[in-house]
Amino acid sequence: MQRCVDARLLQDDDPTYLDALHDAAEEEEWPLLVHPDGTRVAENYVSQVWSTKFGAGAHICRSIVYDVGFAISVDATLAGMLMNDHTSQQARKKYTGDRAKLAALAAAGSEIDGIFDEFSVL
């Protein structure tokens, strides 16, 4: 994502200006997404684009971030909270999909089977 932000800030400017552009963008709260004429896009623009292209709004991105985190580990869903700027454990539970939970349980089951297999050899 940082590459996209940097490209948006730089446009065709020399990369040596990047730090100054970051500072100005943060201080002046530049919009990340704009129309070709420089006007701000609507707040639901990203969701509209997702709906057009994928048949689901941008909220699906949040679910994907949580599912990937959950596939890594239950603790990794904390990363999902941080990436989605969520502060509530309720959001963590809401966006972690059932498929991710089932995959995590299956992985845990395989791990347990492996442990029992080691003991059955003894």
C-alpha atoms as a PDB file:
ATOM      1  CA  MET A   1       0.000   0.000   0.000  1.00  0.00           C
ATOM      2  CA  GLN A   2       2.862   2.369   0.778  1.00  0.00           C
ATOM      3  CA  ARG A   3       3.996   2.270  -2.853  1.00  0.00           C
ATOM      4  CA  CYS A   4       0.552   3.449  -3.942  1.00  0.00           C
ATOM      5  CA  VAL A   5       0.604   6.293  -1.431  1.00  0.00           C
ATOM      6  CA  ASP A   6       4.106   7.303  -2.482  1.00  0.00           C
ATOM      7  CA  ALA A   7       3.134   7.248  -6.168  1.00  0.00           C
ATOM      8  CA  ARG A   8       0.051   9.345  -5.424  1.00  0.00           C
ATOM      9  CA  LEU A   9       2.141  11.914  -3.557  1.00  0.00           C
ATOM     10  CA  LEU A  10       5.011  12.027  -6.024  1.00  0.00           C
ATOM     11  CA  GLN A  11       3.010  12.129  -9.253  1.00  0.00           C
ATOM     12  CA  ASP A  12       5.921  12.979 -11.588  1.00  0.00           C
ATOM     13  CA  ASP A  13       8.097  14.747  -9.010  1.00  0.00           C
ATOM     14  CA  ASP A  14      11.620  13.745  -8.068  1.00  0.00           C
ATOM     15  CA  PRO A  15      11.667  11.103  -5.276  1.00  0.00           C
ATOM     16  CA  THR A  16      13.933  13.365  -3.222  1.00  0.00           C
ATOM     17  CA  TYR A  17      10.798  15.404  -2.451  1.00  0.00           C
ATOM     18  CA  LEU A  18       8.947  12.425  -0.980  1.00  0.00           C
ATOM     19  CA  ASP A  19       9.591  13.180   2.696  1.00  0.00           C
ATOM     20  CA  ALA A  20       8.476  16.796   2.277  1.00  0.00           C
ATOM     21  CA  LEU A  21       5.386  15.645   0.375  1.00  0.00           C
ATOM     22  CA  HIS A  22       4.541  13.130   3.118  1.00  0.00           C
ATOM     23  CA  ASP A  23       4.784  15.880   5.721  1.00  0.00           C
ATOM     24  CA  ALA A  24       2.651  18.294   3.691  1.00  0.00           C
ATOM     25  CA  ALA A  25       0.044  15.632   2.905  1.00  0.00           C
ATOM     26  CA  GLU A  26      -0.298  14.688   6.552  1.00  0.00           C
ATOM     27  CA  GLU A  27      -0.357  18.260   7.822  1.00  0.00           C
ATOM     28  CA  GLU A  28      -2.831  19.473   5.196  1.00  0.00           C
ATOM     29  CA  GLU A  29      -4.832  16.200   5.136  1.00  0.00           C
ATOM     30  CA  TRP A  30      -4.572  15.630   1.400  1.00  0.00           C
ATOM     31  CA  PRO A  31      -7.090  13.108   0.065  1.00  0.00           C
ATOM     32  CA  LEU A  32      -5.597   9.847  -1.126  1.00  0.00           C
ATOM     33  CA  LEU A  33      -8.150   9.310  -3.880  1.00  0.00           C
ATOM     34  CA  VAL A  34      -9.058  12.087  -6.291  1.00  0.00           C
ATOM     35  CA  HIS A  35     -10.658  12.393  -9.715  1.00  0.00           C
ATOM     36  CA  PRO A  36      -8.426  13.258 -12.703  1.00  0.00           C
ATOM     37  CA  ASP A  37      -9.417  16.919 -12.285  1.00  0.00           C
ATOM     38  CA  GLY A  38      -8.158  16.862  -8.674  1.00  0.00           C
ATOM     39  CA  THR A  39     -11.525  16.904  -6.923  1.00  0.00           C
ATOM     40  CA  ARG A  40     -12.106  14.513  -4.052  1.00  0.00           C
ATOM     41  CA  VAL A  41     -13.974  11.295  -4.703  1.00  0.00           C
ATOM     42  CA  ALA A  42     -17.129  10.542  -2.715  1.00  0.00           C
ATOM     43  CA  GLU A  43     -16.675   8.754   0.610  1.00  0.00           C
ATOM     44  CA  ASN A  44     -18.247   5.581  -0.780  1.00  0.00           C
ATOM     45  CA  TYR A  45     -16.202   5.664  -4.020  1.00  0.00           C
ATOM     46  CA  VAL A  46     -14.026   2.667  -3.166  1.00  0.00           C
ATOM     47  CA  SER A  47     -17.040   0.613  -2.166  1.00  0.00           C
ATOM     48  CA  GLN A  48     -18.805   1.541  -5.419  1.00  0.00           C
ATOM     49  CA  VAL A  49     -15.792   0.448  -7.472  1.00  0.00           C
ATOM     50  CA  TRP A  50     -15.571  -2.837  -5.562  1.00  0.00           C
ATOM     51  CA  SER A  51     -19.290  -3.442  -6.088  1.00  0.00           C
ATOM     52  CA  THR A  52     -18.966  -2.791  -9.811  1.00  0.00           C
ATOM     53  CA  LYS A  53     -15.921  -5.017 -10.258  1.00  0.00           C
ATOM     54  CA  PHE A  54     -16.483  -7.779  -7.703  1.00  0.00           C
ATOM     55  CA  GLY A  55     -20.141  -7.674  -6.716  1.00  0.00           C
ATOM     56  CA  ALA A  56     -19.381  -6.773  -3.094  1.00  0.00           C
ATOM     57  CA  GLY A  57     -18.553  -3.520  -1.359  1.00  0.00           C
ATOM     58  CA  ALA A  58     -15.205  -2.556   0.132  1.00  0.00           C
ATOM     59  CA  HIS A  59     -16.183  -4.069   3.485  1.00  0.00           C
ATOM     60  CA  ILE A  60     -15.063  -7.378   1.998  1.00  0.00           C
ATOM     61  CA  CYS A  61     -11.480  -6.070   2.190  1.00  0.00           C
ATOM     62  CA  ARG A  62     -11.733  -5.897   5.956  1.00  0.00           C
ATOM     63  CA  SER A  63     -12.977  -9.477   6.079  1.00  0.00           C
ATOM     64  CA  ILE A  64     -10.133 -10.649   3.843  1.00  0.00           C
ATOM     65  CA  VAL A  65      -7.547  -8.938   6.057  1.00  0.00           C
ATOM     66  CA  TYR A  66      -8.996 -10.648   9.132  1.00  0.00           C
ATOM     67  CA  ASP A  67      -9.260 -14.034   7.390  1.00  0.00           C
ATOM     68  CA  VAL A  68      -5.630 -13.927   6.282  1.00  0.00           C
ATOM     69  CA  GLY A  69      -4.577 -12.957   9.791  1.00  0.00           C
ATOM     70  CA  PHE A  70      -6.698 -15.715  11.303  1.00  0.00           C
ATOM     71  CA  ALA A  71      -5.196 -18.267   8.906  1.00  0.00           C
ATOM     72  CA  ILE A  72      -1.788 -17.349  10.321  1.00  0.00           C
ATOM     73  CA  SER A  73      -2.937 -17.573  13.934  1.00  0.00           C
ATOM     74  CA  VAL A  74      -5.673 -16.392  16.231  1.00  0.00           C
ATOM     75  CA  ASP A  75      -3.237 -13.847  17.664  1.00  0.00           C
ATOM     76  CA  ALA A  76      -2.533 -12.509  14.174  1.00  0.00           C
ATOM     77  CA  THR A  77      -6.082 -11.190  13.998  1.00  0.00           C
ATOM     78  CA  LEU A  78      -4.745  -8.377  16.169  1.00  0.00           C
ATOM     79  CA  ALA A  79      -2.849  -7.321  13.043  1.00  0.00           C
ATOM     80  CA  GLY A  80      -6.190  -7.298  11.226  1.00  0.00           C
ATOM     81  CA  MET A  81      -7.548  -4.944  13.849  1.00  0.00           C
ATOM     82  CA  LEU A  82      -4.595  -2.617  13.419  1.00  0.00           C
ATOM     83  CA  MET A  83      -4.694  -2.691   9.609  1.00  0.00           C
ATOM     84  CA  ASN A  84      -8.423  -1.952   9.624  1.00  0.00           C
ATOM     85  CA  ASP A  85      -8.067   0.719  12.321  1.00  0.00           C
ATOM     86  CA  HIS A  86     -10.477  -1.131  14.608  1.00  0.00           C
ATOM     87  CA  THR A  87     -10.277  -0.744  18.372  1.00  0.00           C
ATOM     88  CA  SER A  88     -13.015  -3.152  19.394  1.00  0.00           C
ATOM     89  CA  GLN A  89     -12.733  -6.899  19.910  1.00  0.00           C
ATOM     90  CA  GLN A  90     -16.281  -7.067  18.510  1.00  0.00           C
ATOM     91  CA  ALA A  91     -14.976  -6.029  15.098  1.00  0.00           C
ATOM     92  CA  ARG A  92     -12.301  -8.705  15.345  1.00  0.00           C
ATOM     93  CA  LYS A  93     -14.995 -11.329  15.955  1.00  0.00           C
ATOM     94  CA  LYS A  94     -17.380  -9.926  13.343  1.00  0.00           C
ATOM     95  CA  TYR A  95     -14.916  -9.830  10.464  1.00  0.00           C
ATOM     96  CA  THR A  96     -13.187 -13.132  11.086  1.00  0.00           C
ATOM     97  CA  GLY A  97     -15.088 -15.363   8.705  1.00  0.00           C
ATOM     98  CA  ASP A  98     -16.408 -18.815   9.409  1.00  0.00           C
ATOM     99  CA  ARG A  99     -14.193 -20.339   6.704  1.00  0.00           C
ATOM    100  CA  ALA A 100     -11.100 -18.911   8.375  1.00  0.00           C
ATOM    101  CA  LYS A 101     -12.205 -20.331  11.717  1.00  0.00           C
ATOM    102  CA  LEU A 102     -12.821 -23.747  10.155  1.00  0.00           C
ATOM    103  CA  ALA A 103      -9.432 -23.656   8.439  1.00  0.00           C
ATOM    104  CA  ALA A 104      -7.742 -22.777  11.722  1.00  0.00           C
ATOM    105  CA  LEU A 105      -9.564 -25.612  13.497  1.00  0.00           C
ATOM    106  CA  ALA A 106      -8.565 -28.038  10.737  1.00  0.00           C
ATOM    107  CA  ALA A 107      -4.940 -26.942  11.025  1.00  0.00           C
ATOM    108  CA  ALA A 108      -5.082 -27.351  14.799  1.00  0.00           C
ATOM    109  CA  GLY A 109      -6.626 -30.800  14.352  1.00  0.00           C
ATOM    110  CA  SER A 110      -3.827 -31.824  11.996  1.00  0.00           C
ATOM    111  CA  GLU A 111      -1.262 -30.588  14.507  1.00  0.00           C
ATOM    112  CA  ILE A 112      -2.897 -32.590  17.294  1.00  0.00           C
ATOM    113  CA  ASP A 113      -3.063 -35.685  15.063  1.00  0.00           C
ATOM    114  CA  GLY A 114       0.660 -35.307  14.410  1.00  0.00           C
ATOM    115  CA  ILE A 115       1.377 -35.146  18.136  1.00  0.00           C
ATOM    116  CA  PHE A 116      -0.693 -38.282  18.801  1.00  0.00           C
ATOM    117  CA  ASP A 117       1.002 -40.069  15.898  1.00  0.00           C
ATOM    118  CA  GLU A 118       4.390 -39.399  17.509  1.00  0.00           C
ATOM    119  CA  PHE A 119       3.205 -40.923  20.797  1.00  0.00           C
ATOM    120  CA  SER A 120       1.648 -43.973  19.125  1.00  0.00           C
ATOM    121  CA  VAL A 121       5.055 -44.879  17.667  1.00  0.00           C
ATOM    122  CA  LEU A 122       6.556 -45.042  21.161  1.00  0.00           C
END
